Amino acid sequence: MAFAERGDLIWRCGNPAQFAGVVAVGSVKLTQSTPYGSEVAVEVVGPPQSFGAVAAVGDRRDALSAIAVANTWYLKVPSSILLELYQENPSFRDQVFQSVLPRLRRAHVMIAALSEDRPESRVASALLLLADTHGMKTPDGIVIEDTFNEQTLSELAVTTLESTVQCLGCLEAAGAIKKSKTNLTIRNMEPLYRTARLD
């Protein structure tokens, strides 16, 4: 088991894929560098999701950087073990393939959304990503816990903290979300889709 503090780089894009990870506690964001030097998050994974498995059994180089969103404990699985399982176990190959499809869809949607100039579109897209990967359905709506705070959201949306707070205020006034000190509840998805321009 390995530990990464919030903001720690677990691996950098382009490096040899020495291991994959399985999140036990905390969250990890997978990012891609832009030509302007900023890091764009295309996925956020939490317990018990894995990250880096495709690179470990594929081209053997990490296509994305992995960065801890919060203090995170994760299991390190050497690439050699994953590759052996992948080559000798057809059911494991099928599981890897099936897990890739929805994650590629989320990544493409997030990259497209972050190409928008409007910060409100970026914030709404980041909330939809967190709802998809970390949301818990409750009678009141989809609750995002642990990974939620304005600073983390602004990093995922690649916008300023001030803009993020303003966007959240507008979404709350519209009845789309409800904030508390420890979490955020998405009460109506439609305004988020419209704001993210995904409708």
N, C-alpha and C. Protein backbone atom coordinates (compact mmCIF):
# COMPACT_ATOMS: atom_id res chain seq x y z
N MET A 1 0.85 -1.19 0.00
CA MET A 1 0.00 0.00 0.00
C MET A 1 0.89 1.24 0.00
N ALA A 2 0.55 2.23 -0.81
CA ALA A 2 1.33 3.46 -0.92
C ALA A 2 0.47 4.64 -0.50
N PHE A 3 1.14 5.73 -0.12
CA PHE A 3 0.44 6.93 0.34
C PHE A 3 0.91 8.13 -0.47
N ALA A 4 -0.04 9.00 -0.84
CA ALA A 4 0.29 10.25 -1.52
C ALA A 4 -0.47 11.38 -0.86
N GLU A 5 0.23 12.45 -0.52
CA GLU A 5 -0.43 13.62 0.05
C GLU A 5 -1.14 14.40 -1.05
N ARG A 6 -2.10 15.22 -0.64
CA ARG A 6 -2.83 16.04 -1.60
C ARG A 6 -1.85 16.85 -2.46
N GLY A 7 -1.99 16.75 -3.79
CA GLY A 7 -1.12 17.48 -4.71
C GLY A 7 0.10 16.71 -5.14
N ASP A 8 0.37 15.56 -4.52
CA ASP A 8 1.55 14.77 -4.91
C ASP A 8 1.37 14.19 -6.31
N LEU A 9 2.44 14.20 -7.08
CA LEU A 9 2.46 13.57 -8.40
C LEU A 9 2.78 12.09 -8.21
N ILE A 10 1.85 11.22 -8.63
CA ILE A 10 2.06 9.77 -8.52
C ILE A 10 2.87 9.27 -9.70
N TRP A 11 2.53 9.74 -10.89
CA TRP A 11 3.38 9.54 -12.06
C TRP A 11 3.11 10.63 -13.08
N ARG A 12 4.05 10.82 -13.98
CA ARG A 12 3.93 11.86 -15.00
C ARG A 12 3.65 11.24 -16.36
N CYS A 13 2.84 11.93 -17.13
CA CYS A 13 2.50 11.50 -18.49
C CYS A 13 3.77 11.27 -19.31
N GLY A 14 3.80 10.15 -20.02
CA GLY A 14 4.95 9.84 -20.88
C GLY A 14 5.99 8.96 -20.23
N ASN A 15 5.93 8.81 -18.91
CA ASN A 15 6.90 7.95 -18.23
C ASN A 15 6.55 6.48 -18.45
N PRO A 16 7.54 5.57 -18.35
CA PRO A 16 7.24 4.14 -18.43
C PRO A 16 6.23 3.74 -17.36
N ALA A 17 5.24 2.92 -17.76
CA ALA A 17 4.19 2.49 -16.84
C ALA A 17 4.71 1.36 -15.97
N GLN A 18 5.19 1.70 -14.78
CA GLN A 18 5.78 0.70 -13.90
C GLN A 18 4.74 -0.01 -13.04
N PHE A 19 3.61 0.64 -12.82
CA PHE A 19 2.57 0.03 -12.00
C PHE A 19 1.23 0.71 -12.28
N ALA A 20 0.17 0.03 -11.89
CA ALA A 20 -1.17 0.63 -11.87
C ALA A 20 -1.57 0.77 -10.41
N GLY A 21 -2.64 1.53 -10.17
CA GLY A 21 -3.07 1.75 -8.80
C GLY A 21 -4.54 1.43 -8.60
N VAL A 22 -4.88 1.07 -7.36
CA VAL A 22 -6.27 0.90 -6.96
C VAL A 22 -6.48 1.76 -5.72
N VAL A 23 -7.40 2.72 -5.81
CA VAL A 23 -7.60 3.67 -4.71
C VAL A 23 -8.31 2.99 -3.55
N ALA A 24 -7.73 3.10 -2.37
CA ALA A 24 -8.35 2.57 -1.15
C ALA A 24 -9.02 3.69 -0.36
N VAL A 25 -8.32 4.82 -0.22
CA VAL A 25 -8.83 5.99 0.49
C VAL A 25 -8.38 7.23 -0.27
N GLY A 26 -9.29 8.19 -0.47
CA GLY A 26 -8.92 9.43 -1.14
C GLY A 26 -9.33 9.45 -2.60
N SER A 27 -8.67 10.27 -3.39
CA SER A 27 -9.01 10.43 -4.81
C SER A 27 -7.76 10.79 -5.61
N VAL A 28 -7.78 10.40 -6.87
CA VAL A 28 -6.67 10.69 -7.79
C VAL A 28 -7.26 11.29 -9.06
N LYS A 29 -6.67 12.38 -9.53
CA LYS A 29 -7.10 12.93 -10.81
C LYS A 29 -6.07 12.59 -11.87
N LEU A 30 -6.57 12.26 -13.06
CA LEU A 30 -5.74 11.95 -14.21
C LEU A 30 -5.79 13.14 -15.13
N THR A 31 -4.63 13.70 -15.45
CA THR A 31 -4.57 14.98 -16.15
C THR A 31 -3.76 14.89 -17.42
N GLN A 32 -4.01 15.88 -18.28
CA GLN A 32 -3.27 16.01 -19.54
C GLN A 32 -2.76 17.44 -19.62
N SER A 33 -1.53 17.61 -20.04
CA SER A 33 -0.95 18.95 -20.15
C SER A 33 -1.44 19.64 -21.42
N THR A 34 -1.71 20.93 -21.29
CA THR A 34 -2.09 21.73 -22.46
C THR A 34 -0.85 22.39 -23.03
N PRO A 35 -0.93 22.91 -24.27
CA PRO A 35 0.23 23.62 -24.85
C PRO A 35 0.63 24.85 -24.04
N TYR A 36 -0.28 25.32 -23.16
CA TYR A 36 0.00 26.52 -22.37
C TYR A 36 0.59 26.19 -21.00
N GLY A 37 0.80 24.89 -20.75
CA GLY A 37 1.47 24.51 -19.52
C GLY A 37 0.57 24.17 -18.36
N SER A 38 -0.74 24.29 -18.52
CA SER A 38 -1.67 23.95 -17.44
C SER A 38 -2.04 22.47 -17.53
N GLU A 39 -2.55 21.93 -16.41
CA GLU A 39 -2.97 20.54 -16.35
C GLU A 39 -4.49 20.47 -16.38
N VAL A 40 -5.04 19.76 -17.34
CA VAL A 40 -6.47 19.59 -17.48
C VAL A 40 -6.86 18.21 -16.96
N ALA A 41 -7.76 18.15 -15.98
CA ALA A 41 -8.22 16.88 -15.44
C ALA A 41 -9.25 16.27 -16.38
N VAL A 42 -9.02 15.02 -16.79
CA VAL A 42 -9.97 14.33 -17.65
C VAL A 42 -10.72 13.23 -16.92
N GLU A 43 -10.27 12.90 -15.71
CA GLU A 43 -10.96 11.89 -14.92
C GLU A 43 -10.54 12.02 -13.46
N VAL A 44 -11.45 11.66 -12.56
CA VAL A 44 -11.16 11.59 -11.13
C VAL A 44 -11.60 10.22 -10.65
N VAL A 45 -10.70 9.49 -9.99
CA VAL A 45 -11.04 8.15 -9.51
C VAL A 45 -10.94 8.11 -7.99
N GLY A 46 -11.81 7.32 -7.39
CA GLY A 46 -11.84 7.13 -5.95
C GLY A 46 -12.03 5.66 -5.62
N PRO A 47 -12.19 5.32 -4.35
CA PRO A 47 -12.35 3.91 -3.95
C PRO A 47 -13.57 3.27 -4.61
N PRO A 48 -13.49 2.07 -5.10
CA PRO A 48 -12.30 1.20 -5.22
C PRO A 48 -11.81 1.17 -6.67
N GLN A 49 -11.79 2.31 -7.33
CA GLN A 49 -11.47 2.36 -8.75
C GLN A 49 -9.97 2.23 -8.99
N SER A 50 -9.64 1.74 -10.18
CA SER A 50 -8.24 1.59 -10.57
C SER A 50 -7.84 2.70 -11.52
N PHE A 51 -6.56 2.88 -11.68
CA PHE A 51 -6.03 3.85 -12.64
C PHE A 51 -4.68 3.36 -13.15
N GLY A 52 -4.45 3.59 -14.45
CA GLY A 52 -3.17 3.21 -15.04
C GLY A 52 -3.10 1.80 -15.59
N ALA A 53 -4.19 1.02 -15.50
CA ALA A 53 -4.13 -0.37 -15.95
C ALA A 53 -3.95 -0.49 -17.45
N VAL A 54 -4.58 0.41 -18.21
CA VAL A 54 -4.49 0.33 -19.67
C VAL A 54 -3.05 0.56 -20.14
N ALA A 55 -2.38 1.54 -19.55
CA ALA A 55 -0.99 1.80 -19.92
C ALA A 55 -0.10 0.62 -19.53
N ALA A 56 -0.42 -0.02 -18.41
CA ALA A 56 0.41 -1.12 -17.93
C ALA A 56 0.37 -2.32 -18.87
N VAL A 57 -0.79 -2.53 -19.53
CA VAL A 57 -0.90 -3.69 -20.43
C VAL A 57 -0.88 -3.29 -21.90
N GLY A 58 -0.84 -1.99 -22.17
CA GLY A 58 -0.89 -1.50 -23.54
C GLY A 58 0.46 -1.06 -24.05
N ASP A 59 0.58 0.27 -24.28
CA ASP A 59 1.83 0.77 -24.87
C ASP A 59 2.94 0.94 -23.85
N ARG A 60 2.61 0.64 -22.58
CA ARG A 60 3.60 0.63 -21.48
C ARG A 60 4.12 2.00 -21.13
N ARG A 61 3.45 3.06 -21.58
CA ARG A 61 3.77 4.41 -21.14
C ARG A 61 2.49 5.08 -20.68
N ASP A 62 2.59 5.86 -19.62
CA ASP A 62 1.41 6.51 -19.05
C ASP A 62 0.95 7.64 -19.96
N ALA A 63 -0.30 7.56 -20.40
CA ALA A 63 -0.86 8.56 -21.31
C ALA A 63 -1.30 9.81 -20.56
N LEU A 64 -1.52 9.69 -19.26
CA LEU A 64 -1.96 10.81 -18.43
C LEU A 64 -1.12 10.87 -17.17
N SER A 65 -1.02 12.05 -16.58
CA SER A 65 -0.38 12.18 -15.28
C SER A 65 -1.40 11.84 -14.19
N ALA A 66 -0.94 11.29 -13.09
CA ALA A 66 -1.80 10.95 -11.96
C ALA A 66 -1.38 11.79 -10.75
N ILE A 67 -2.34 12.52 -10.18
CA ILE A 67 -2.06 13.44 -9.08
C ILE A 67 -3.08 13.22 -7.98
N ALA A 68 -2.65 13.15 -6.74
CA ALA A 68 -3.56 12.97 -5.62
C ALA A 68 -4.41 14.23 -5.41
N VAL A 69 -5.73 14.05 -5.36
CA VAL A 69 -6.64 15.17 -5.11
C VAL A 69 -6.74 15.44 -3.61
N ALA A 70 -6.67 14.37 -2.83
CA ALA A 70 -6.69 14.45 -1.37
C ALA A 70 -5.63 13.51 -0.84
N ASN A 71 -5.42 13.47 0.46
CA ASN A 71 -4.52 12.47 1.02
C ASN A 71 -5.06 11.09 0.65
N THR A 72 -4.23 10.31 -0.02
CA THR A 72 -4.71 9.09 -0.68
C THR A 72 -3.84 7.89 -0.37
N TRP A 73 -4.51 6.79 -0.01
CA TRP A 73 -3.86 5.49 0.08
C TRP A 73 -4.26 4.68 -1.14
N TYR A 74 -3.30 4.05 -1.79
CA TYR A 74 -3.62 3.26 -2.97
C TYR A 74 -2.72 2.03 -3.04
N LEU A 75 -3.27 0.97 -3.63
CA LEU A 75 -2.52 -0.27 -3.83
C LEU A 75 -1.73 -0.17 -5.13
N LYS A 76 -0.44 -0.44 -5.06
CA LYS A 76 0.41 -0.44 -6.25
C LYS A 76 0.50 -1.85 -6.80
N VAL A 77 0.08 -2.01 -8.06
CA VAL A 77 0.13 -3.32 -8.71
C VAL A 77 1.16 -3.25 -9.84
N PRO A 78 2.28 -3.99 -9.73
CA PRO A 78 3.33 -3.91 -10.76
C PRO A 78 2.79 -4.25 -12.15
N SER A 79 3.29 -3.55 -13.13
CA SER A 79 2.85 -3.77 -14.51
C SER A 79 3.10 -5.21 -14.97
N SER A 80 4.17 -5.82 -14.50
CA SER A 80 4.49 -7.18 -14.91
C SER A 80 3.39 -8.16 -14.51
N ILE A 81 2.81 -7.94 -13.32
CA ILE A 81 1.73 -8.82 -12.85
C ILE A 81 0.47 -8.60 -13.69
N LEU A 82 0.13 -7.33 -13.95
CA LEU A 82 -1.04 -7.03 -14.75
C LEU A 82 -0.90 -7.57 -16.17
N LEU A 83 0.28 -7.43 -16.74
CA LEU A 83 0.50 -7.90 -18.11
C LEU A 83 0.36 -9.42 -18.19
N GLU A 84 0.86 -10.12 -17.18
CA GLU A 84 0.73 -11.58 -17.16
C GLU A 84 -0.74 -11.99 -17.07
N LEU A 85 -1.50 -11.32 -16.20
CA LEU A 85 -2.93 -11.59 -16.08
C LEU A 85 -3.65 -11.30 -17.39
N TYR A 86 -3.30 -10.20 -18.01
CA TYR A 86 -3.95 -9.78 -19.25
C TYR A 86 -3.71 -10.79 -20.37
N GLN A 87 -2.50 -11.31 -20.44
CA GLN A 87 -2.14 -12.22 -21.53
C GLN A 87 -2.71 -13.62 -21.32
N GLU A 88 -2.90 -14.02 -20.05
CA GLU A 88 -3.29 -15.40 -19.77
C GLU A 88 -4.74 -15.56 -19.35
N ASN A 89 -5.45 -14.47 -19.12
CA ASN A 89 -6.80 -14.57 -18.59
C ASN A 89 -7.78 -13.79 -19.47
N PRO A 90 -8.53 -14.48 -20.33
CA PRO A 90 -9.47 -13.79 -21.23
C PRO A 90 -10.51 -12.95 -20.49
N SER A 91 -10.99 -13.44 -19.35
CA SER A 91 -12.02 -12.69 -18.61
C SER A 91 -11.44 -11.38 -18.08
N PHE A 92 -10.17 -11.40 -17.69
CA PHE A 92 -9.53 -10.16 -17.23
C PHE A 92 -9.38 -9.18 -18.38
N ARG A 93 -9.03 -9.68 -19.58
CA ARG A 93 -8.94 -8.82 -20.76
C ARG A 93 -10.29 -8.16 -21.04
N ASP A 94 -11.36 -8.94 -20.93
CA ASP A 94 -12.69 -8.39 -21.17
C ASP A 94 -13.03 -7.30 -20.16
N GLN A 95 -12.67 -7.52 -18.91
CA GLN A 95 -12.94 -6.53 -17.86
C GLN A 95 -12.19 -5.23 -18.14
N VAL A 96 -10.93 -5.35 -18.55
CA VAL A 96 -10.14 -4.15 -18.86
C VAL A 96 -10.78 -3.40 -20.01
N PHE A 97 -11.17 -4.12 -21.05
CA PHE A 97 -11.77 -3.49 -22.23
C PHE A 97 -13.09 -2.81 -21.87
N GLN A 98 -13.94 -3.49 -21.10
CA GLN A 98 -15.23 -2.92 -20.73
C GLN A 98 -15.07 -1.69 -19.84
N SER A 99 -14.04 -1.66 -19.03
CA SER A 99 -13.84 -0.51 -18.15
C SER A 99 -13.33 0.71 -18.91
N VAL A 100 -12.68 0.47 -20.06
CA VAL A 100 -12.10 1.57 -20.82
C VAL A 100 -13.16 2.42 -21.51
N LEU A 101 -14.22 1.79 -22.01
CA LEU A 101 -15.20 2.50 -22.84
C LEU A 101 -15.86 3.68 -22.12
N PRO A 102 -16.46 3.48 -20.94
CA PRO A 102 -17.08 4.64 -20.28
C PRO A 102 -16.06 5.69 -19.85
N ARG A 103 -14.84 5.25 -19.53
CA ARG A 103 -13.84 6.21 -19.10
C ARG A 103 -13.37 7.06 -20.28
N LEU A 104 -13.26 6.46 -21.46
CA LEU A 104 -12.92 7.24 -22.65
C LEU A 104 -14.02 8.24 -22.97
N ARG A 105 -15.26 7.81 -22.81
CA ARG A 105 -16.38 8.73 -23.06
C ARG A 105 -16.31 9.93 -22.13
N ARG A 106 -16.08 9.68 -20.83
CA ARG A 106 -15.99 10.78 -19.87
C ARG A 106 -14.82 11.69 -20.20
N ALA A 107 -13.69 11.10 -20.60
CA ALA A 107 -12.51 11.91 -20.92
C ALA A 107 -12.77 12.81 -22.12
N HIS A 108 -13.40 12.27 -23.15
CA HIS A 108 -13.69 13.07 -24.34
C HIS A 108 -14.66 14.20 -24.03
N VAL A 109 -15.68 13.89 -23.22
CA VAL A 109 -16.65 14.92 -22.83
C VAL A 109 -15.97 16.02 -22.03
N MET A 110 -15.10 15.62 -21.11
CA MET A 110 -14.44 16.60 -20.25
C MET A 110 -13.49 17.48 -21.06
N ILE A 111 -12.74 16.90 -21.97
CA ILE A 111 -11.82 17.68 -22.79
C ILE A 111 -12.59 18.67 -23.66
N ALA A 112 -13.70 18.21 -24.23
CA ALA A 112 -14.53 19.10 -25.06
C ALA A 112 -15.11 20.23 -24.22
N ALA A 113 -15.56 19.91 -23.02
CA ALA A 113 -16.15 20.94 -22.16
C ALA A 113 -15.12 21.97 -21.73
N LEU A 114 -13.91 21.52 -21.46
CA LEU A 114 -12.88 22.44 -21.00
C LEU A 114 -12.33 23.31 -22.12
N SER A 115 -12.73 23.02 -23.35
CA SER A 115 -12.35 23.91 -24.44
C SER A 115 -13.24 25.14 -24.48
N GLU A 116 -14.34 25.11 -23.69
CA GLU A 116 -15.23 26.27 -23.60
C GLU A 116 -14.53 27.41 -22.88
N ASP A 117 -14.82 28.63 -23.32
CA ASP A 117 -14.23 29.80 -22.67
C ASP A 117 -14.95 30.17 -21.37
N ARG A 118 -16.22 29.81 -21.28
CA ARG A 118 -17.02 30.24 -20.14
C ARG A 118 -16.70 29.42 -18.89
N PRO A 119 -16.33 30.05 -17.78
CA PRO A 119 -16.03 29.29 -16.56
C PRO A 119 -17.22 28.51 -16.05
N GLU A 120 -18.46 29.03 -16.25
CA GLU A 120 -19.63 28.31 -15.75
C GLU A 120 -19.81 26.98 -16.47
N SER A 121 -19.43 26.93 -17.75
CA SER A 121 -19.50 25.67 -18.49
C SER A 121 -18.49 24.67 -17.94
N ARG A 122 -17.30 25.16 -17.62
CA ARG A 122 -16.26 24.29 -17.09
C ARG A 122 -16.63 23.76 -15.72
N VAL A 123 -17.17 24.61 -14.86
CA VAL A 123 -17.55 24.19 -13.51
C VAL A 123 -18.67 23.16 -13.58
N ALA A 124 -19.67 23.41 -14.43
CA ALA A 124 -20.77 22.46 -14.57
C ALA A 124 -20.26 21.11 -15.08
N SER A 125 -19.32 21.13 -16.03
CA SER A 125 -18.74 19.89 -16.56
C SER A 125 -17.97 19.13 -15.48
N ALA A 126 -17.22 19.86 -14.67
CA ALA A 126 -16.48 19.21 -13.58
C ALA A 126 -17.43 18.58 -12.57
N LEU A 127 -18.55 19.24 -12.27
CA LEU A 127 -19.53 18.68 -11.36
C LEU A 127 -20.16 17.41 -11.93
N LEU A 128 -20.44 17.42 -13.24
CA LEU A 128 -21.00 16.23 -13.88
C LEU A 128 -20.01 15.07 -13.84
N LEU A 129 -18.72 15.38 -14.01
CA LEU A 129 -17.69 14.35 -13.94
C LEU A 129 -17.64 13.75 -12.54
N LEU A 130 -17.66 14.60 -11.51
CA LEU A 130 -17.63 14.11 -10.13
C LEU A 130 -18.89 13.33 -9.78
N ALA A 131 -20.03 13.76 -10.30
CA ALA A 131 -21.27 13.03 -10.05
C ALA A 131 -21.21 11.64 -10.66
N ASP A 132 -20.60 11.55 -11.84
CA ASP A 132 -20.50 10.27 -12.55
C ASP A 132 -19.55 9.32 -11.85
N THR A 133 -18.46 9.84 -11.33
CA THR A 133 -17.42 8.97 -10.76
C THR A 133 -17.49 8.84 -9.25
N HIS A 134 -18.05 9.85 -8.55
CA HIS A 134 -18.04 9.84 -7.09
C HIS A 134 -19.42 10.03 -6.47
N GLY A 135 -20.43 10.27 -7.31
CA GLY A 135 -21.75 10.59 -6.79
C GLY A 135 -22.44 9.41 -6.12
N MET A 136 -23.19 9.70 -5.07
CA MET A 136 -23.97 8.69 -4.36
C MET A 136 -25.44 9.11 -4.41
N LYS A 137 -26.28 8.25 -4.98
CA LYS A 137 -27.69 8.59 -5.11
C LYS A 137 -28.39 8.53 -3.76
N THR A 138 -29.12 9.58 -3.44
CA THR A 138 -29.90 9.67 -2.22
C THR A 138 -31.29 10.21 -2.58
N PRO A 139 -32.23 10.17 -1.64
CA PRO A 139 -33.56 10.75 -1.93
C PRO A 139 -33.51 12.24 -2.27
N ASP A 140 -32.48 12.94 -1.79
CA ASP A 140 -32.37 14.38 -2.05
C ASP A 140 -31.64 14.71 -3.34
N GLY A 141 -30.99 13.72 -3.94
CA GLY A 141 -30.22 13.96 -5.15
C GLY A 141 -28.92 13.18 -5.14
N ILE A 142 -27.98 13.58 -5.97
CA ILE A 142 -26.68 12.92 -6.05
C ILE A 142 -25.69 13.67 -5.17
N VAL A 143 -25.20 13.00 -4.14
CA VAL A 143 -24.30 13.63 -3.17
C VAL A 143 -22.85 13.35 -3.54
N ILE A 144 -22.05 14.41 -3.59
CA ILE A 144 -20.61 14.30 -3.82
C ILE A 144 -19.91 14.63 -2.51
N GLU A 145 -19.25 13.64 -1.93
CA GLU A 145 -18.57 13.83 -0.65
C GLU A 145 -17.06 13.71 -0.83
N ASP A 146 -16.34 14.08 0.21
CA ASP A 146 -14.89 13.90 0.29
C ASP A 146 -14.11 14.72 -0.74
N THR A 147 -14.40 14.47 -2.04
CA THR A 147 -13.62 15.14 -3.07
C THR A 147 -14.07 16.58 -3.26
N PHE A 148 -15.21 16.97 -2.66
CA PHE A 148 -15.73 18.30 -2.96
C PHE A 148 -15.17 19.38 -2.04
N ASN A 149 -14.60 20.38 -2.65
CA ASN A 149 -14.41 21.71 -2.06
C ASN A 149 -14.16 22.65 -3.22
N GLU A 150 -14.35 23.93 -2.97
CA GLU A 150 -14.26 24.90 -4.08
C GLU A 150 -12.89 24.91 -4.73
N GLN A 151 -11.83 24.74 -3.93
CA GLN A 151 -10.49 24.78 -4.47
C GLN A 151 -10.25 23.61 -5.43
N THR A 152 -10.63 22.40 -5.00
CA THR A 152 -10.47 21.23 -5.86
C THR A 152 -11.29 21.37 -7.13
N LEU A 153 -12.51 21.87 -6.99
CA LEU A 153 -13.37 22.05 -8.16
C LEU A 153 -12.79 23.06 -9.14
N SER A 154 -12.21 24.13 -8.61
CA SER A 154 -11.61 25.13 -9.50
C SER A 154 -10.42 24.55 -10.25
N GLU A 155 -9.67 23.65 -9.61
CA GLU A 155 -8.54 23.00 -10.27
C GLU A 155 -9.04 22.07 -11.37
N LEU A 156 -10.10 21.32 -11.10
CA LEU A 156 -10.65 20.42 -12.10
C LEU A 156 -11.21 21.19 -13.29
N ALA A 157 -11.82 22.34 -13.01
CA ALA A 157 -12.45 23.15 -14.05
C ALA A 157 -11.47 24.08 -14.75
N VAL A 158 -10.24 24.12 -14.26
CA VAL A 158 -9.20 25.00 -14.80
C VAL A 158 -9.72 26.44 -14.86
N THR A 159 -10.16 26.91 -13.72
CA THR A 159 -10.60 28.29 -13.61
C THR A 159 -10.24 28.80 -12.22
N THR A 160 -10.52 30.06 -11.94
CA THR A 160 -10.12 30.65 -10.67
C THR A 160 -11.08 30.24 -9.56
N LEU A 161 -10.59 30.32 -8.34
CA LEU A 161 -11.45 30.02 -7.18
C LEU A 161 -12.62 30.98 -7.13
N GLU A 162 -12.38 32.26 -7.41
CA GLU A 162 -13.44 33.26 -7.39
C GLU A 162 -14.53 32.93 -8.40
N SER A 163 -14.13 32.56 -9.61
CA SER A 163 -15.12 32.21 -10.64
C SER A 163 -15.91 30.97 -10.24
N THR A 164 -15.22 30.00 -9.63
CA THR A 164 -15.89 28.77 -9.20
C THR A 164 -16.94 29.07 -8.15
N VAL A 165 -16.60 29.88 -7.16
CA VAL A 165 -17.55 30.23 -6.11
C VAL A 165 -18.76 30.95 -6.70
N GLN A 166 -18.53 31.86 -7.64
CA GLN A 166 -19.63 32.58 -8.29
C GLN A 166 -20.53 31.62 -9.07
N CYS A 167 -19.92 30.69 -9.80
CA CYS A 167 -20.69 29.73 -10.59
C CYS A 167 -21.52 28.83 -9.69
N LEU A 168 -20.95 28.38 -8.59
CA LEU A 168 -21.69 27.54 -7.66
C LEU A 168 -22.86 28.30 -7.06
N GLY A 169 -22.66 29.59 -6.79
CA GLY A 169 -23.73 30.41 -6.26
C GLY A 169 -24.89 30.52 -7.23
N CYS A 170 -24.58 30.68 -8.51
CA CYS A 170 -25.62 30.77 -9.54
C CYS A 170 -26.36 29.44 -9.68
N LEU A 171 -25.62 28.34 -9.65
CA LEU A 171 -26.24 27.02 -9.77
C LEU A 171 -27.12 26.72 -8.56
N GLU A 172 -26.69 27.17 -7.39
CA GLU A 172 -27.49 26.94 -6.18
C GLU A 172 -28.76 27.80 -6.23
N ALA A 173 -28.63 29.03 -6.70
CA ALA A 173 -29.79 29.91 -6.81
C ALA A 173 -30.80 29.35 -7.82
N ALA A 174 -30.30 28.63 -8.83
CA ALA A 174 -31.18 28.04 -9.84
C ALA A 174 -31.80 26.72 -9.38
N GLY A 175 -31.40 26.26 -8.19
CA GLY A 175 -31.95 25.01 -7.66
C GLY A 175 -31.27 23.76 -8.18
N ALA A 176 -30.14 23.93 -8.87
CA ALA A 176 -29.44 22.76 -9.43
C ALA A 176 -28.65 22.02 -8.37
N ILE A 177 -28.08 22.76 -7.41
CA ILE A 177 -27.23 22.14 -6.39
C ILE A 177 -27.59 22.68 -5.01
N LYS A 178 -27.11 21.98 -3.98
CA LYS A 178 -27.21 22.43 -2.60
C LYS A 178 -25.89 22.15 -1.92
N LYS A 179 -25.25 23.19 -1.40
CA LYS A 179 -23.94 23.03 -0.76
C LYS A 179 -24.09 22.93 0.75
N SER A 180 -23.15 22.21 1.37
CA SER A 180 -22.99 22.22 2.82
C SER A 180 -21.49 22.29 3.10
N LYS A 181 -21.11 22.25 4.35
CA LYS A 181 -19.69 22.35 4.69
C LYS A 181 -18.91 21.12 4.27
N THR A 182 -19.58 19.97 4.18
CA THR A 182 -18.86 18.72 3.93
C THR A 182 -19.15 18.09 2.57
N ASN A 183 -20.21 18.52 1.90
CA ASN A 183 -20.52 17.91 0.62
C ASN A 183 -21.33 18.84 -0.26
N LEU A 184 -21.66 18.34 -1.43
CA LEU A 184 -22.50 19.06 -2.37
C LEU A 184 -23.51 18.08 -2.94
N THR A 185 -24.76 18.50 -3.02
CA THR A 185 -25.81 17.65 -3.56
C THR A 185 -26.31 18.23 -4.88
N ILE A 186 -26.29 17.41 -5.91
CA ILE A 186 -26.87 17.81 -7.19
C ILE A 186 -28.34 17.43 -7.17
N ARG A 187 -29.21 18.43 -7.19
CA ARG A 187 -30.64 18.21 -7.06
C ARG A 187 -31.36 18.16 -8.40
N ASN A 188 -30.74 18.75 -9.42
CA ASN A 188 -31.35 18.77 -10.75
C ASN A 188 -30.22 18.77 -11.78
N MET A 189 -30.13 17.70 -12.57
CA MET A 189 -29.04 17.57 -13.53
C MET A 189 -29.22 18.45 -14.76
N GLU A 190 -30.47 18.73 -15.13
CA GLU A 190 -30.72 19.43 -16.39
C GLU A 190 -30.02 20.80 -16.48
N PRO A 191 -30.08 21.64 -15.43
CA PRO A 191 -29.34 22.91 -15.53
C PRO A 191 -27.84 22.73 -15.73
N LEU A 192 -27.28 21.64 -15.15
CA LEU A 192 -25.87 21.39 -15.32
C LEU A 192 -25.56 21.01 -16.77
N TYR A 193 -26.41 20.17 -17.36
CA TYR A 193 -26.20 19.80 -18.76
C TYR A 193 -26.31 21.03 -19.67
N ARG A 194 -27.30 21.87 -19.39
CA ARG A 194 -27.46 23.07 -20.21
C ARG A 194 -26.28 24.01 -20.07
N THR A 195 -25.83 24.20 -18.83
CA THR A 195 -24.70 25.10 -18.59
C THR A 195 -23.42 24.56 -19.20
N ALA A 196 -23.27 23.25 -19.14
CA ALA A 196 -22.07 22.61 -19.72
C ALA A 196 -22.18 22.48 -21.24
N ARG A 197 -23.36 22.83 -21.77
CA ARG A 197 -23.62 22.72 -23.21
C ARG A 197 -23.50 21.28 -23.70
N LEU A 198 -24.07 20.37 -22.87
CA LEU A 198 -24.06 18.96 -23.22
C LEU A 198 -25.46 18.45 -23.53
N ASP A 199 -26.46 19.35 -23.54
CA ASP A 199 -27.83 18.90 -23.82
C ASP A 199 -28.08 18.78 -25.31
